[in-house]
mmCIF file of all heavy atoms, coordinates in Angstrom:
data_MODEL
# 
_entry.id   MODEL 
# 
loop_
_atom_site.group_PDB 
_atom_site.id 
_atom_site.type_symbol 
_atom_site.label_atom_id 
_atom_site.label_alt_id 
_atom_site.label_comp_id 
_atom_site.label_asym_id 
_atom_site.label_entity_id 
_atom_site.label_seq_id 
_atom_site.pdbx_PDB_ins_code 
_atom_site.Cartn_x 
_atom_site.Cartn_y 
_atom_site.Cartn_z 
_atom_site.occupancy 
_atom_site.B_iso_or_equiv 
_atom_site.pdbx_formal_charge 
_atom_site.auth_seq_id 
_atom_site.auth_comp_id 
_atom_site.auth_asym_id 
_atom_site.auth_atom_id 
_atom_site.pdbx_PDB_model_num 
ATOM 1   N N   . ILE A 1 1  ? 106.110 86.890 79.914  1.00 0.00 ? 1  ILE A N   1 
ATOM 2   C CA  . ILE A 1 1  ? 107.558 86.770 79.997  1.00 0.00 ? 1  ILE A CA  1 
ATOM 3   C C   . ILE A 1 1  ? 108.041 86.806 81.455  1.00 0.00 ? 1  ILE A C   1 
ATOM 4   O O   . ILE A 1 1  ? 108.980 86.100 81.824  1.00 0.00 ? 1  ILE A O   1 
ATOM 5   C CB  . ILE A 1 1  ? 108.252 87.903 79.206  1.00 0.00 ? 1  ILE A CB  1 
ATOM 6   C CG1 . ILE A 1 1  ? 107.762 87.926 77.751  1.00 0.00 ? 1  ILE A CG1 1 
ATOM 7   C CG2 . ILE A 1 1  ? 109.770 87.744 79.258  1.00 0.00 ? 1  ILE A CG2 1 
ATOM 8   C CD1 . ILE A 1 1  ? 108.066 86.669 76.996  1.00 0.00 ? 1  ILE A CD1 1 
ATOM 9   N N   . PHE A 1 2  ? 107.373 87.593 82.288  1.00 0.00 ? 2  PHE A N   1 
ATOM 10  C CA  . PHE A 1 2  ? 107.766 87.796 83.675  1.00 0.00 ? 2  PHE A CA  1 
ATOM 11  C C   . PHE A 1 2  ? 106.653 87.320 84.599  1.00 0.00 ? 2  PHE A C   1 
ATOM 12  O O   . PHE A 1 2  ? 105.571 87.900 84.623  1.00 0.00 ? 2  PHE A O   1 
ATOM 13  C CB  . PHE A 1 2  ? 108.089 89.264 83.942  1.00 0.00 ? 2  PHE A CB  1 
ATOM 14  C CG  . PHE A 1 2  ? 109.081 89.865 83.005  1.00 0.00 ? 2  PHE A CG  1 
ATOM 15  C CD1 . PHE A 1 2  ? 108.660 90.662 81.944  1.00 0.00 ? 2  PHE A CD1 1 
ATOM 16  C CD2 . PHE A 1 2  ? 110.445 89.625 83.148  1.00 0.00 ? 2  PHE A CD2 1 
ATOM 17  C CE1 . PHE A 1 2  ? 109.569 91.216 81.064  1.00 0.00 ? 2  PHE A CE1 1 
ATOM 18  C CE2 . PHE A 1 2  ? 111.354 90.177 82.279  1.00 0.00 ? 2  PHE A CE2 1 
ATOM 19  C CZ  . PHE A 1 2  ? 110.918 90.964 81.226  1.00 0.00 ? 2  PHE A CZ  1 
ATOM 20  N N   . ASP A 1 3  ? 106.935 86.284 85.360  1.00 0.00 ? 3  ASP A N   1 
ATOM 21  C CA  . ASP A 1 3  ? 105.988 85.799 86.367  1.00 0.00 ? 3  ASP A CA  1 
ATOM 22  C C   . ASP A 1 3  ? 106.359 86.488 87.673  1.00 0.00 ? 3  ASP A C   1 
ATOM 23  O O   . ASP A 1 3  ? 107.317 86.081 88.358  1.00 0.00 ? 3  ASP A O   1 
ATOM 24  C CB  . ASP A 1 3  ? 106.100 84.272 86.483  1.00 0.00 ? 3  ASP A CB  1 
ATOM 25  C CG  . ASP A 1 3  ? 105.161 83.697 87.513  1.00 0.00 ? 3  ASP A CG  1 
ATOM 26  O OD1 . ASP A 1 3  ? 104.233 84.403 87.946  1.00 0.00 ? 3  ASP A OD1 1 
ATOM 27  O OD2 . ASP A 1 3  ? 105.357 82.533 87.899  1.00 0.00 ? 3  ASP A OD2 1 
ATOM 28  N N   . VAL A 1 4  ? 105.637 87.530 88.012  1.00 0.00 ? 4  VAL A N   1 
ATOM 29  C CA  . VAL A 1 4  ? 105.971 88.370 89.161  1.00 0.00 ? 4  VAL A CA  1 
ATOM 30  C C   . VAL A 1 4  ? 105.126 87.946 90.364  1.00 0.00 ? 4  VAL A C   1 
ATOM 31  O O   . VAL A 1 4  ? 103.900 87.893 90.280  1.00 0.00 ? 4  VAL A O   1 
ATOM 32  C CB  . VAL A 1 4  ? 105.724 89.857 88.855  1.00 0.00 ? 4  VAL A CB  1 
ATOM 33  C CG1 . VAL A 1 4  ? 106.171 90.731 90.042  1.00 0.00 ? 4  VAL A CG1 1 
ATOM 34  C CG2 . VAL A 1 4  ? 106.478 90.273 87.588  1.00 0.00 ? 4  VAL A CG2 1 
ATOM 35  N N   . LYS A 1 5  ? 105.797 87.647 91.485  1.00 0.00 ? 5  LYS A N   1 
ATOM 36  C CA  . LYS A 1 5  ? 105.096 87.206 92.687  1.00 0.00 ? 5  LYS A CA  1 
ATOM 37  C C   . LYS A 1 5  ? 105.491 88.100 93.862  1.00 0.00 ? 5  LYS A C   1 
ATOM 38  O O   . LYS A 1 5  ? 106.651 88.530 93.974  1.00 0.00 ? 5  LYS A O   1 
ATOM 39  C CB  . LYS A 1 5  ? 105.442 85.741 92.990  1.00 0.00 ? 5  LYS A CB  1 
ATOM 40  C CG  . LYS A 1 5  ? 104.800 84.758 92.016  1.00 0.00 ? 5  LYS A CG  1 
ATOM 41  C CD  . LYS A 1 5  ? 105.257 83.334 92.311  1.00 0.00 ? 5  LYS A CD  1 
ATOM 42  C CE  . LYS A 1 5  ? 104.348 82.287 91.665  1.00 0.00 ? 5  LYS A CE  1 
ATOM 43  N NZ  . LYS A 1 5  ? 104.214 82.436 90.222  1.00 0.00 ? 5  LYS A NZ  1 
ATOM 44  N N   . ALA A 1 6  ? 104.530 88.339 94.752  1.00 0.00 ? 6  ALA A N   1 
ATOM 45  C CA  . ALA A 1 6  ? 104.778 89.078 95.977  1.00 0.00 ? 6  ALA A CA  1 
ATOM 46  C C   . ALA A 1 6  ? 104.854 88.104 97.141  1.00 0.00 ? 6  ALA A C   1 
ATOM 47  O O   . ALA A 1 6  ? 104.022 87.201 97.265  1.00 0.00 ? 6  ALA A O   1 
ATOM 48  C CB  . ALA A 1 6  ? 103.660 90.091 96.218  1.00 0.00 ? 6  ALA A CB  1 
ATOM 49  N N   . ILE A 1 7  ? 105.852 88.265 98.001  1.00 0.00 ? 7  ILE A N   1 
ATOM 50  C CA  . ILE A 1 7  ? 105.965 87.473 99.234  1.00 0.00 ? 7  ILE A CA  1 
ATOM 51  C C   . ILE A 1 7  ? 105.885 88.434 100.409 1.00 0.00 ? 7  ILE A C   1 
ATOM 52  O O   . ILE A 1 7  ? 106.762 89.305 100.585 1.00 0.00 ? 7  ILE A O   1 
ATOM 53  C CB  . ILE A 1 7  ? 107.268 86.644 99.268  1.00 0.00 ? 7  ILE A CB  1 
ATOM 54  C CG1 . ILE A 1 7  ? 107.345 85.658 98.109  1.00 0.00 ? 7  ILE A CG1 1 
ATOM 55  C CG2 . ILE A 1 7  ? 107.353 85.883 100.575 1.00 0.00 ? 7  ILE A CG2 1 
ATOM 56  C CD1 . ILE A 1 7  ? 108.051 86.178 96.907  1.00 0.00 ? 7  ILE A CD1 1 
ATOM 57  N N   . MET A 1 8  ? 104.823 88.292 101.182 1.00 0.00 ? 8  MET A N   1 
ATOM 58  C CA  . MET A 1 8  ? 104.531 89.218 102.255 1.00 0.00 ? 8  MET A CA  1 
ATOM 59  C C   . MET A 1 8  ? 105.126 88.708 103.569 1.00 0.00 ? 8  MET A C   1 
ATOM 60  O O   . MET A 1 8  ? 105.256 87.505 103.792 1.00 0.00 ? 8  MET A O   1 
ATOM 61  C CB  . MET A 1 8  ? 103.016 89.415 102.401 1.00 0.00 ? 8  MET A CB  1 
ATOM 62  C CG  . MET A 1 8  ? 102.292 89.699 101.087 1.00 0.00 ? 8  MET A CG  1 
ATOM 63  S SD  . MET A 1 8  ? 102.908 91.168 100.252 1.00 0.00 ? 8  MET A SD  1 
ATOM 64  C CE  . MET A 1 8  ? 102.364 92.429 101.409 1.00 0.00 ? 8  MET A CE  1 
ATOM 65  N N   . GLN A 1 9  ? 105.468 89.654 104.458 1.00 0.00 ? 9  GLN A N   1 
ATOM 66  C CA  . GLN A 1 9  ? 106.025 89.271 105.763 1.00 0.00 ? 9  GLN A CA  1 
ATOM 67  C C   . GLN A 1 9  ? 104.950 88.815 106.729 1.00 0.00 ? 9  GLN A C   1 
ATOM 68  O O   . GLN A 1 9  ? 105.230 87.989 107.634 1.00 0.00 ? 9  GLN A O   1 
ATOM 69  C CB  . GLN A 1 9  ? 106.788 90.464 106.367 1.00 0.00 ? 9  GLN A CB  1 
ATOM 70  C CG  . GLN A 1 9  ? 107.985 90.914 105.583 1.00 0.00 ? 9  GLN A CG  1 
ATOM 71  C CD  . GLN A 1 9  ? 108.784 91.980 106.304 1.00 0.00 ? 9  GLN A CD  1 
ATOM 72  O OE1 . GLN A 1 9  ? 108.850 92.001 107.545 1.00 0.00 ? 9  GLN A OE1 1 
ATOM 73  N NE2 . GLN A 1 9  ? 109.417 92.876 105.538 1.00 0.00 ? 9  GLN A NE2 1 
ATOM 74  N N   . GLN A 1 10 ? 103.711 89.277 106.577 1.00 0.00 ? 10 GLN A N   1 
ATOM 75  C CA  . GLN A 1 10 ? 102.652 88.945 107.504 1.00 0.00 ? 10 GLN A CA  1 
ATOM 76  C C   . GLN A 1 10 ? 102.175 87.500 107.321 1.00 0.00 ? 10 GLN A C   1 
ATOM 77  O O   . GLN A 1 10 ? 102.347 86.890 106.259 1.00 0.00 ? 10 GLN A O   1 
ATOM 78  C CB  . GLN A 1 10 ? 101.446 89.871 107.311 1.00 0.00 ? 10 GLN A CB  1 
ATOM 79  C CG  . GLN A 1 10 ? 101.772 91.360 107.454 1.00 0.00 ? 10 GLN A CG  1 
ATOM 80  C CD  . GLN A 1 10 ? 102.038 92.016 106.116 1.00 0.00 ? 10 GLN A CD  1 
ATOM 81  O OE1 . GLN A 1 10 ? 102.715 91.431 105.277 1.00 0.00 ? 10 GLN A OE1 1 
ATOM 82  N NE2 . GLN A 1 10 ? 101.532 93.229 105.942 1.00 0.00 ? 10 GLN A NE2 1 
ATOM 83  N N   . GLU A 1 11 ? 101.519 86.981 108.355 1.00 0.00 ? 11 GLU A N   1 
ATOM 84  C CA  . GLU A 1 11 ? 100.809 85.717 108.228 1.00 0.00 ? 11 GLU A CA  1 
ATOM 85  C C   . GLU A 1 11 ? 99.645  85.893 107.244 1.00 0.00 ? 11 GLU A C   1 
ATOM 86  O O   . GLU A 1 11 ? 99.112  87.008 107.129 1.00 0.00 ? 11 GLU A O   1 
ATOM 87  C CB  . GLU A 1 11 ? 100.311 85.321 109.633 1.00 0.00 ? 11 GLU A CB  1 
ATOM 88  C CG  . GLU A 1 11 ? 99.837  83.878 109.732 1.00 0.00 ? 11 GLU A CG  1 
ATOM 89  C CD  . GLU A 1 11 ? 98.321  83.766 109.526 1.00 0.00 ? 11 GLU A CD  1 
ATOM 90  O OE1 . GLU A 1 11 ? 97.627  84.801 109.644 1.00 0.00 ? 11 GLU A OE1 1 
ATOM 91  O OE2 . GLU A 1 11 ? 97.860  82.643 109.263 1.00 0.00 ? 11 GLU A OE2 1 
ATOM 92  N N   . HIS A 1 12 ? 99.263  84.850 106.544 1.00 0.00 ? 12 HIS A N   1 
ATOM 93  C CA  . HIS A 1 12 ? 98.367  85.013 105.385 1.00 0.00 ? 12 HIS A CA  1 
ATOM 94  C C   . HIS A 1 12 ? 97.010  85.633 105.723 1.00 0.00 ? 12 HIS A C   1 
ATOM 95  O O   . HIS A 1 12 ? 96.415  86.321 104.896 1.00 0.00 ? 12 HIS A O   1 
ATOM 96  C CB  . HIS A 1 12 ? 98.182  83.685 104.657 1.00 0.00 ? 12 HIS A CB  1 
ATOM 97  C CG  . HIS A 1 12 ? 97.336  82.678 105.359 1.00 0.00 ? 12 HIS A CG  1 
ATOM 98  N ND1 . HIS A 1 12 ? 97.809  81.888 106.385 1.00 0.00 ? 12 HIS A ND1 1 
ATOM 99  C CD2 . HIS A 1 12 ? 96.035  82.329 105.180 1.00 0.00 ? 12 HIS A CD2 1 
ATOM 100 C CE1 . HIS A 1 12 ? 96.861  81.087 106.799 1.00 0.00 ? 12 HIS A CE1 1 
ATOM 101 N NE2 . HIS A 1 12 ? 95.772  81.333 106.093 1.00 0.00 ? 12 HIS A NE2 1 
ATOM 102 N N   . HIS A 1 13 ? 96.507  85.419 106.961 1.00 0.00 ? 13 HIS A N   1 
ATOM 103 C CA  . HIS A 1 13 ? 95.212  86.014 107.310 1.00 0.00 ? 13 HIS A CA  1 
ATOM 104 C C   . HIS A 1 13 ? 95.284  87.533 107.415 1.00 0.00 ? 13 HIS A C   1 
ATOM 105 O O   . HIS A 1 13 ? 94.247  88.217 107.344 1.00 0.00 ? 13 HIS A O   1 
ATOM 106 C CB  . HIS A 1 13 ? 94.732  85.440 108.654 1.00 0.00 ? 13 HIS A CB  1 
ATOM 107 C CG  . HIS A 1 13 ? 94.227  84.050 108.549 1.00 0.00 ? 13 HIS A CG  1 
ATOM 108 N ND1 . HIS A 1 13 ? 94.523  83.054 109.459 1.00 0.00 ? 13 HIS A ND1 1 
ATOM 109 C CD2 . HIS A 1 13 ? 93.439  83.443 107.622 1.00 0.00 ? 13 HIS A CD2 1 
ATOM 110 C CE1 . HIS A 1 13 ? 93.963  81.908 109.113 1.00 0.00 ? 13 HIS A CE1 1 
ATOM 111 N NE2 . HIS A 1 13 ? 93.302  82.122 107.988 1.00 0.00 ? 13 HIS A NE2 1 
ATOM 112 N N   . ASP A 1 14 ? 96.478  88.049 107.552 1.00 0.00 ? 14 ASP A N   1 
ATOM 113 C CA  . ASP A 1 14 ? 96.649  89.503 107.696 1.00 0.00 ? 14 ASP A CA  1 
ATOM 114 C C   . ASP A 1 14 ? 96.960  90.207 106.372 1.00 0.00 ? 14 ASP A C   1 
ATOM 115 O O   . ASP A 1 14 ? 97.257  91.393 106.361 1.00 0.00 ? 14 ASP A O   1 
ATOM 116 C CB  . ASP A 1 14 ? 97.802  89.798 108.691 1.00 0.00 ? 14 ASP A CB  1 
ATOM 117 C CG  . ASP A 1 14 ? 97.475  89.285 110.088 1.00 0.00 ? 14 ASP A CG  1 
ATOM 118 O OD1 . ASP A 1 14 ? 96.297  89.286 110.457 1.00 0.00 ? 14 ASP A OD1 1 
ATOM 119 O OD2 . ASP A 1 14 ? 98.444  88.848 110.789 1.00 0.00 ? 14 ASP A OD2 1 
ATOM 120 N N   . VAL A 1 15 ? 96.875  89.475 105.269 1.00 0.00 ? 15 VAL A N   1 
ATOM 121 C CA  . VAL A 1 15 ? 97.154  90.049 103.956 1.00 0.00 ? 15 VAL A CA  1 
ATOM 122 C C   . VAL A 1 15 ? 95.840  90.247 103.206 1.00 0.00 ? 15 VAL A C   1 
ATOM 123 O O   . VAL A 1 15 ? 95.054  89.283 103.029 1.00 0.00 ? 15 VAL A O   1 
ATOM 124 C CB  . VAL A 1 15 ? 98.098  89.161 103.145 1.00 0.00 ? 15 VAL A CB  1 
ATOM 125 C CG1 . VAL A 1 15 ? 98.326  89.760 101.753 1.00 0.00 ? 15 VAL A CG1 1 
ATOM 126 C CG2 . VAL A 1 15 ? 99.421  88.967 103.859 1.00 0.00 ? 15 VAL A CG2 1 
ATOM 127 N N   . ASP A 1 16 ? 95.572  91.460 102.771 1.00 0.00 ? 16 ASP A N   1 
ATOM 128 C CA  . ASP A 1 16 ? 94.397  91.765 101.957 1.00 0.00 ? 16 ASP A CA  1 
ATOM 129 C C   . ASP A 1 16 ? 94.833  91.806 100.500 1.00 0.00 ? 16 ASP A C   1 
ATOM 130 O O   . ASP A 1 16 ? 95.448  92.768 100.047 1.00 0.00 ? 16 ASP A O   1 
ATOM 131 C CB  . ASP A 1 16 ? 93.801  93.113 102.388 1.00 0.00 ? 16 ASP A CB  1 
ATOM 132 C CG  . ASP A 1 16 ? 92.565  93.502 101.584 1.00 0.00 ? 16 ASP A CG  1 
ATOM 133 O OD1 . ASP A 1 16 ? 92.157  92.721 100.687 1.00 0.00 ? 16 ASP A OD1 1 
ATOM 134 O OD2 . ASP A 1 16 ? 92.023  94.586 101.841 1.00 0.00 ? 16 ASP A OD2 1 
ATOM 135 N N   . ILE A 1 17 ? 94.505  90.760 99.751  1.00 0.00 ? 17 ILE A N   1 
ATOM 136 C CA  . ILE A 1 17 ? 94.983  90.694 98.375  1.00 0.00 ? 17 ILE A CA  1 
ATOM 137 C C   . ILE A 1 17 ? 94.408  91.814 97.519  1.00 0.00 ? 17 ILE A C   1 
ATOM 138 O O   . ILE A 1 17 ? 95.028  92.242 96.535  1.00 0.00 ? 17 ILE A O   1 
ATOM 139 C CB  . ILE A 1 17 ? 94.694  89.321 97.727  1.00 0.00 ? 17 ILE A CB  1 
ATOM 140 C CG1 . ILE A 1 17 ? 93.201  89.046 97.653  1.00 0.00 ? 17 ILE A CG1 1 
ATOM 141 C CG2 . ILE A 1 17 ? 95.416  88.206 98.469  1.00 0.00 ? 17 ILE A CG2 1 
ATOM 142 C CD1 . ILE A 1 17 ? 92.875  87.768 96.875  1.00 0.00 ? 17 ILE A CD1 1 
ATOM 143 N N   . MET A 1 18 ? 93.238  92.305 97.857  1.00 0.00 ? 18 MET A N   1 
ATOM 144 C CA  . MET A 1 18 ? 92.619  93.349 97.059  1.00 0.00 ? 18 MET A CA  1 
ATOM 145 C C   . MET A 1 18 ? 93.262  94.713 97.313  1.00 0.00 ? 18 MET A C   1 
ATOM 146 O O   . MET A 1 18 ? 93.079  95.640 96.525  1.00 0.00 ? 18 MET A O   1 
ATOM 147 C CB  . MET A 1 18 ? 91.121  93.438 97.345  1.00 0.00 ? 18 MET A CB  1 
ATOM 148 C CG  . MET A 1 18 ? 90.366  92.129 97.107  1.00 0.00 ? 18 MET A CG  1 
ATOM 149 S SD  . MET A 1 18 ? 90.691  91.400 95.475  1.00 0.00 ? 18 MET A SD  1 
ATOM 150 C CE  . MET A 1 18 ? 89.904  92.606 94.412  1.00 0.00 ? 18 MET A CE  1 
ATOM 151 N N   . ALA A 1 19 ? 94.049  94.809 98.382  1.00 0.00 ? 19 ALA A N   1 
ATOM 152 C CA  . ALA A 1 19 ? 94.743  96.069 98.668  1.00 0.00 ? 19 ALA A CA  1 
ATOM 153 C C   . ALA A 1 19 ? 96.077  96.164 97.946  1.00 0.00 ? 19 ALA A C   1 
ATOM 154 O O   . ALA A 1 19 ? 96.668  97.250 97.880  1.00 0.00 ? 19 ALA A O   1 
ATOM 155 C CB  . ALA A 1 19 ? 94.926  96.235 100.177 1.00 0.00 ? 19 ALA A CB  1 
ATOM 156 N N   . LEU A 1 20 ? 96.543  95.044 97.419  1.00 0.00 ? 20 LEU A N   1 
ATOM 157 C CA  . LEU A 1 20 ? 97.836  95.042 96.727  1.00 0.00 ? 20 LEU A CA  1 
ATOM 158 C C   . LEU A 1 20 ? 97.646  95.515 95.294  1.00 0.00 ? 20 LEU A C   1 
ATOM 159 O O   . LEU A 1 20 ? 96.548  95.452 94.723  1.00 0.00 ? 20 LEU A O   1 
ATOM 160 C CB  . LEU A 1 20 ? 98.448  93.658 96.754  1.00 0.00 ? 20 LEU A CB  1 
ATOM 161 C CG  . LEU A 1 20 ? 98.847  93.114 98.136  1.00 0.00 ? 20 LEU A CG  1 
ATOM 162 C CD1 . LEU A 1 20 ? 99.535  91.764 97.979  1.00 0.00 ? 20 LEU A CD1 1 
ATOM 163 C CD2 . LEU A 1 20 ? 99.765  94.102 98.869  1.00 0.00 ? 20 LEU A CD2 1 
ATOM 164 N N   . ASP A 1 21 ? 98.723  95.949 94.682  1.00 0.00 ? 21 ASP A N   1 
ATOM 165 C CA  . ASP A 1 21 ? 98.672  96.445 93.310  1.00 0.00 ? 21 ASP A CA  1 
ATOM 166 C C   . ASP A 1 21 ? 98.138  95.359 92.380  1.00 0.00 ? 21 ASP A C   1 
ATOM 167 O O   . ASP A 1 21 ? 98.391  94.160 92.556  1.00 0.00 ? 21 ASP A O   1 
ATOM 168 C CB  . ASP A 1 21 ? 100.082 96.848 92.856  1.00 0.00 ? 21 ASP A CB  1 
ATOM 169 C CG  . ASP A 1 21 ? 100.055 97.646 91.561  1.00 0.00 ? 21 ASP A CG  1 
ATOM 170 O OD1 . ASP A 1 21 ? 100.030 97.005 90.496  1.00 0.00 ? 21 ASP A OD1 1 
ATOM 171 O OD2 . ASP A 1 21 ? 100.076 98.874 91.634  1.00 0.00 ? 21 ASP A OD2 1 
ATOM 172 N N   . GLU A 1 22 ? 97.416  95.781 91.353  1.00 0.00 ? 22 GLU A N   1 
ATOM 173 C CA  . GLU A 1 22 ? 96.817  94.828 90.424  1.00 0.00 ? 22 GLU A CA  1 
ATOM 174 C C   . GLU A 1 22 ? 97.847  94.059 89.606  1.00 0.00 ? 22 GLU A C   1 
ATOM 175 O O   . GLU A 1 22 ? 97.530  93.093 88.936  1.00 0.00 ? 22 GLU A O   1 
ATOM 176 C CB  . GLU A 1 22 ? 95.824  95.523 89.499  1.00 0.00 ? 22 GLU A CB  1 
ATOM 177 C CG  . GLU A 1 22 ? 96.423  96.600 88.640  1.00 0.00 ? 22 GLU A CG  1 
ATOM 178 C CD  . GLU A 1 22 ? 95.360  97.405 87.898  1.00 0.00 ? 22 GLU A CD  1 
ATOM 179 O OE1 . GLU A 1 22 ? 94.743  98.299 88.532  1.00 0.00 ? 22 GLU A OE1 1 
ATOM 180 O OE2 . GLU A 1 22 ? 95.121  97.097 86.704  1.00 0.00 ? 22 GLU A OE2 1 
ATOM 181 N N   . LEU A 1 23 ? 99.133  94.476 89.687  1.00 0.00 ? 23 LEU A N   1 
ATOM 182 C CA  . LEU A 1 23 ? 100.207 93.688 89.087  1.00 0.00 ? 23 LEU A CA  1 
ATOM 183 C C   . LEU A 1 23 ? 100.175 92.261 89.608  1.00 0.00 ? 23 LEU A C   1 
ATOM 184 O O   . LEU A 1 23 ? 100.487 91.323 88.876  1.00 0.00 ? 23 LEU A O   1 
ATOM 185 C CB  . LEU A 1 23 ? 101.554 94.319 89.390  1.00 0.00 ? 23 LEU A CB  1 
ATOM 186 C CG  . LEU A 1 23 ? 102.805 93.553 88.957  1.00 0.00 ? 23 LEU A CG  1 
ATOM 187 C CD1 . LEU A 1 23 ? 102.944 93.588 87.432  1.00 0.00 ? 23 LEU A CD1 1 
ATOM 188 C CD2 . LEU A 1 23 ? 104.046 94.092 89.626  1.00 0.00 ? 23 LEU A CD2 1 
ATOM 189 N N   . PHE A 1 24 ? 99.790  92.121 90.887  1.00 0.00 ? 24 PHE A N   1 
ATOM 190 C CA  . PHE A 1 24 ? 99.768  90.809 91.514  1.00 0.00 ? 24 PHE A CA  1 
ATOM 191 C C   . PHE A 1 24 ? 98.418  90.106 91.392  1.00 0.00 ? 24 PHE A C   1 
ATOM 192 O O   . PHE A 1 24 ? 98.221  89.049 91.974  1.00 0.00 ? 24 PHE A O   1 
ATOM 193 C CB  . PHE A 1 24 ? 100.141 90.948 92.998  1.00 0.00 ? 24 PHE A CB  1 
ATOM 194 C CG  . PHE A 1 24 ? 101.469 91.617 93.210  1.00 0.00 ? 24 PHE A CG  1 
ATOM 195 C CD1 . PHE A 1 24 ? 101.541 92.839 93.888  1.00 0.00 ? 24 PHE A CD1 1 
ATOM 196 C CD2 . PHE A 1 24 ? 102.635 91.073 92.733  1.00 0.00 ? 24 PHE A CD2 1 
ATOM 197 C CE1 . PHE A 1 24 ? 102.756 93.464 94.101  1.00 0.00 ? 24 PHE A CE1 1 
ATOM 198 C CE2 . PHE A 1 24 ? 103.868 91.691 92.913  1.00 0.00 ? 24 PHE A CE2 1 
ATOM 199 C CZ  . PHE A 1 24 ? 103.932 92.904 93.596  1.00 0.00 ? 24 PHE A CZ  1 
ATOM 200 N N   . ARG A 1 25 ? 97.518  90.707 90.627  1.00 0.00 ? 25 ARG A N   1 
ATOM 201 C CA  . ARG A 1 25 ? 96.244  90.055 90.269  1.00 0.00 ? 25 ARG A CA  1 
ATOM 202 C C   . ARG A 1 25 ? 96.057  90.203 88.761  1.00 0.00 ? 25 ARG A C   1 
ATOM 203 O O   . ARG A 1 25 ? 95.075  90.790 88.309  1.00 0.00 ? 25 ARG A O   1 
ATOM 204 C CB  . ARG A 1 25 ? 95.087  90.691 91.036  1.00 0.00 ? 25 ARG A CB  1 
ATOM 205 C CG  . ARG A 1 25 ? 95.059  90.357 92.533  1.00 0.00 ? 25 ARG A CG  1 
ATOM 206 C CD  . ARG A 1 25 ? 93.978  91.099 93.295  1.00 0.00 ? 25 ARG A CD  1 
ATOM 207 N NE  . ARG A 1 25 ? 94.328  92.505 93.529  1.00 0.00 ? 25 ARG A NE  1 
ATOM 208 C CZ  . ARG A 1 25 ? 93.740  93.556 92.962  1.00 0.00 ? 25 ARG A CZ  1 
ATOM 209 N NH1 . ARG A 1 25 ? 92.768  93.361 92.100  1.00 0.00 ? 25 ARG A NH1 1 
ATOM 210 N NH2 . ARG A 1 25 ? 94.120  94.778 93.253  1.00 0.00 ? 25 ARG A NH2 1 
ATOM 211 N N   . PRO A 1 26 ? 96.981  89.684 87.958  1.00 0.00 ? 26 PRO A N   1 
ATOM 212 C CA  . PRO A 1 26 ? 96.948  89.936 86.527  1.00 0.00 ? 26 PRO A CA  1 
ATOM 213 C C   . PRO A 1 26 ? 95.791  89.212 85.858  1.00 0.00 ? 26 PRO A C   1 
ATOM 214 O O   . PRO A 1 26 ? 95.285  88.189 86.348  1.00 0.00 ? 26 PRO A O   1 
ATOM 215 C CB  . PRO A 1 26 ? 98.300  89.380 86.042  1.00 0.00 ? 26 PRO A CB  1 
ATOM 216 C CG  . PRO A 1 26 ? 98.615  88.291 87.026  1.00 0.00 ? 26 PRO A CG  1 
ATOM 217 C CD  . PRO A 1 26 ? 98.127  88.805 88.348  1.00 0.00 ? 26 PRO A CD  1 
ATOM 218 N N   . LEU A 1 27 ? 95.386  89.736 84.711  1.00 0.00 ? 27 LEU A N   1 
ATOM 219 C CA  . LEU A 1 27 ? 94.335  89.130 83.910  1.00 0.00 ? 27 LEU A CA  1 
ATOM 220 C C   . LEU A 1 27 ? 94.980  88.283 82.823  1.00 0.00 ? 27 LEU A C   1 
ATOM 221 O O   . LEU A 1 27 ? 95.980  88.667 82.220  1.00 0.00 ? 27 LEU A O   1 
ATOM 222 C CB  . LEU A 1 27 ? 93.457  90.219 83.283  1.00 0.00 ? 27 LEU A CB  1 
ATOM 223 C CG  . LEU A 1 27 ? 92.860  91.218 84.268  1.00 0.00 ? 27 LEU A CG  1 
ATOM 224 C CD1 . LEU A 1 27 ? 92.034  92.267 83.507  1.00 0.00 ? 27 LEU A CD1 1 
ATOM 225 C CD2 . LEU A 1 27 ? 92.010  90.537 85.316  1.00 0.00 ? 27 LEU A CD2 1 
# 
């Protein structure tokens, strides 16, 4: 029902996707 996306301020090389909440890596 809810497509939740995170938009980070950093440039993409500086973002560690595994450090973000698993809400943003849904199964």
